[in-house]
Amino acid sequence: MFSDNNKNAKNRMTTESSGQPNRIGQKTKIKGDFISEGDFRIDGTLEGSVKTSGKVVIGREGSIDGKVECVNADIEGNFSGELNVSNILSLKSTAQIEGQVHVAKLAIEPGATFNATCDMKGGSSRKELSNDKKQEIGKSA
């Protein structure tokens, strides 16, 4: 009876903890590489890399110097390095970005500093005209 309850409790803990958010608090400095399925919030300093199938948030006092791979990112603090965001990167007015950025969609608030090379690989909504249509347009002008 007790062993069955313990198994269920262990299974619930494993399932619940796999998607738990990760947090690096203010005044905390960490060097290293992190891989997780959960979201990350950085309010301290990280030198290294973060790879997650979730969201990365860099708080106003937070900073990352390294490489980040994630689905979405919200940045209020500092980032330096390579940033790969498969969906939306949102830069708040206090954000300072330097390095290389690869993103599908980008939102930048006024006041943010964005000193980076940026490669956007989102789906294009514009369809290219065929050569015949281009020639027709050129003739009618």
Protein backbone atom coordinates (compact mmCIF):
# COMPACT_ATOMS: atom_id res chain seq x y z
CA MET A 1 0.00 0.00 0.00
CA PHE A 2 2.69 2.50 0.97
CA SER A 3 4.99 1.42 -1.84
CA ASP A 4 2.32 2.15 -4.48
CA ASN A 5 1.79 5.66 -3.10
CA ASN A 6 5.53 6.27 -3.07
CA LYS A 7 5.80 5.19 -6.73
CA ASN A 8 2.99 7.56 -7.72
CA ALA A 9 4.55 10.39 -5.76
CA LYS A 10 7.95 9.76 -7.39
CA ASN A 11 6.37 9.68 -10.86
CA ARG A 12 4.53 12.96 -10.20
CA MET A 13 7.72 14.60 -8.95
CA THR A 14 9.67 13.49 -12.02
CA THR A 15 6.94 14.68 -14.41
CA GLU A 16 6.47 18.00 -12.65
CA SER A 17 10.17 18.80 -12.25
CA SER A 18 11.10 18.18 -15.91
CA GLY A 19 9.37 21.40 -17.02
CA GLN A 20 10.24 23.53 -13.99
CA PRO A 21 11.70 26.98 -14.65
CA ASN A 22 15.34 27.57 -13.80
CA ARG A 23 16.54 30.76 -12.15
CA ILE A 24 19.88 32.44 -11.57
CA GLY A 25 19.34 35.08 -8.89
CA GLN A 26 20.73 38.59 -8.53
CA LYS A 27 24.37 38.87 -7.42
CA THR A 28 24.95 35.24 -8.50
CA LYS A 29 27.78 34.60 -10.97
CA ILE A 30 27.96 31.28 -12.79
CA LYS A 31 30.34 29.91 -15.40
CA GLY A 32 29.21 26.86 -17.33
CA ASP A 33 26.87 25.34 -19.89
CA PHE A 34 23.23 24.50 -19.23
CA ILE A 35 20.78 22.27 -21.10
CA SER A 36 17.15 22.07 -20.00
CA GLU A 37 13.61 21.62 -21.23
CA GLY A 38 12.38 24.27 -18.80
CA ASP A 39 12.42 28.06 -19.04
CA PHE A 40 15.40 30.09 -17.77
CA ARG A 41 15.39 33.43 -15.95
CA ILE A 42 18.71 35.12 -15.41
CA ASP A 43 18.90 37.99 -12.93
CA GLY A 44 22.58 37.39 -12.17
CA THR A 45 25.59 36.83 -14.43
CA LEU A 46 26.17 33.81 -16.65
CA GLU A 47 29.34 33.11 -18.64
CA GLY A 48 28.66 30.09 -20.82
CA SER A 49 25.79 28.66 -22.79
CA VAL A 50 22.09 27.94 -22.35
CA LYS A 51 20.17 25.51 -24.53
CA THR A 52 16.47 25.05 -23.85
CA SER A 53 13.26 24.12 -25.62
CA GLY A 54 11.61 26.84 -23.55
CA LYS A 55 11.95 30.59 -23.01
CA VAL A 56 14.96 32.57 -21.78
CA VAL A 57 14.40 35.78 -19.82
CA ILE A 58 17.28 38.08 -18.94
CA GLY A 59 16.15 40.45 -16.19
CA ARG A 60 17.14 44.11 -15.93
CA GLU A 61 20.17 43.29 -13.75
CA GLY A 62 20.97 40.06 -15.60
CA SER A 63 23.67 39.38 -18.16
CA ILE A 64 24.85 36.53 -20.35
CA ASP A 65 28.19 36.33 -22.11
CA GLY A 66 28.13 33.25 -24.32
CA LYS A 67 25.69 31.33 -26.48
CA VAL A 68 21.93 30.92 -26.08
CA GLU A 69 19.62 28.59 -28.02
CA CYS A 70 15.91 28.82 -27.18
CA VAL A 71 12.38 29.09 -28.59
CA ASN A 72 11.52 32.57 -27.23
CA ALA A 73 13.53 35.22 -25.39
CA ASP A 74 12.72 38.42 -23.48
CA ILE A 75 15.72 40.57 -22.70
CA GLU A 76 15.83 43.55 -20.32
CA GLY A 77 19.51 43.26 -19.35
CA ASN A 78 22.76 42.57 -21.22
CA PHE A 79 23.64 39.90 -23.74
CA SER A 80 26.94 39.40 -25.53
CA GLY A 81 27.64 36.46 -27.82
CA GLU A 82 25.54 34.29 -30.14
CA LEU A 83 21.77 34.25 -29.73
CA ASN A 84 19.63 31.68 -31.59
CA VAL A 85 15.87 32.16 -31.08
CA SER A 86 13.61 29.90 -33.14
CA ASN A 87 10.51 32.06 -32.59
CA ILE A 88 10.26 35.56 -31.01
CA LEU A 89 13.02 37.72 -29.54
CA SER A 90 11.66 40.66 -27.55
CA LEU A 91 14.07 43.41 -26.51
CA LYS A 92 12.87 45.75 -23.78
CA SER A 93 13.96 49.40 -23.60
CA THR A 94 16.80 48.60 -21.14
CA ALA A 95 18.27 45.75 -23.24
CA GLN A 96 21.84 45.88 -24.53
CA ILE A 97 22.71 43.30 -27.19
CA GLU A 98 26.08 42.67 -28.86
CA GLY A 99 27.13 39.81 -31.11
CA GLN A 100 25.29 37.58 -33.55
CA VAL A 101 21.52 37.11 -33.53
CA HIS A 102 19.57 34.46 -35.46
CA VAL A 103 15.82 34.82 -35.03
CA ALA A 104 12.45 34.22 -36.70
CA LYS A 105 10.71 37.34 -35.32
CA LEU A 106 12.13 40.41 -33.61
CA ALA A 107 10.46 43.08 -31.44
CA ILE A 108 12.53 46.02 -30.18
CA GLU A 109 11.28 48.69 -27.79
CA PRO A 110 12.62 52.26 -28.21
CA GLY A 111 15.73 52.75 -26.09
CA ALA A 112 17.17 49.25 -26.55
CA THR A 113 20.76 48.99 -27.77
CA PHE A 114 21.16 46.47 -30.61
CA ASN A 115 24.75 46.24 -31.88
CA ALA A 116 24.59 42.87 -33.60
CA THR A 117 24.51 41.14 -36.91
CA CYS A 118 21.00 39.81 -37.35
CA ASP A 119 19.77 36.96 -39.50
CA MET A 120 15.99 36.55 -39.67
CA LYS A 121 14.79 33.18 -40.90
CA GLY A 122 11.04 33.63 -40.48
CA GLY A 123 8.57 32.55 -43.16
CA SER A 124 8.11 35.20 -45.83
CA SER A 125 4.55 36.33 -46.50
CA ARG A 126 5.50 37.96 -49.80
CA LYS A 127 5.31 35.81 -52.91
CA GLU A 128 7.78 36.47 -55.65
CA LEU A 129 6.37 37.36 -59.04
CA SER A 130 7.12 35.01 -61.88
CA ASN A 131 9.39 36.27 -64.66
CA ASP A 132 6.38 36.60 -67.03
CA LYS A 133 4.54 38.86 -64.57
CA LYS A 134 7.68 40.98 -64.02
CA GLN A 135 8.04 41.46 -67.78
CA GLU A 136 4.35 42.43 -68.12
CA ILE A 137 4.70 45.00 -65.35
CA GLY A 138 7.85 46.40 -66.97
CA LYS A 139 6.12 46.78 -70.36
CA SER A 140 3.07 48.59 -69.01
CA ALA A 141 5.13 51.17 -67.14
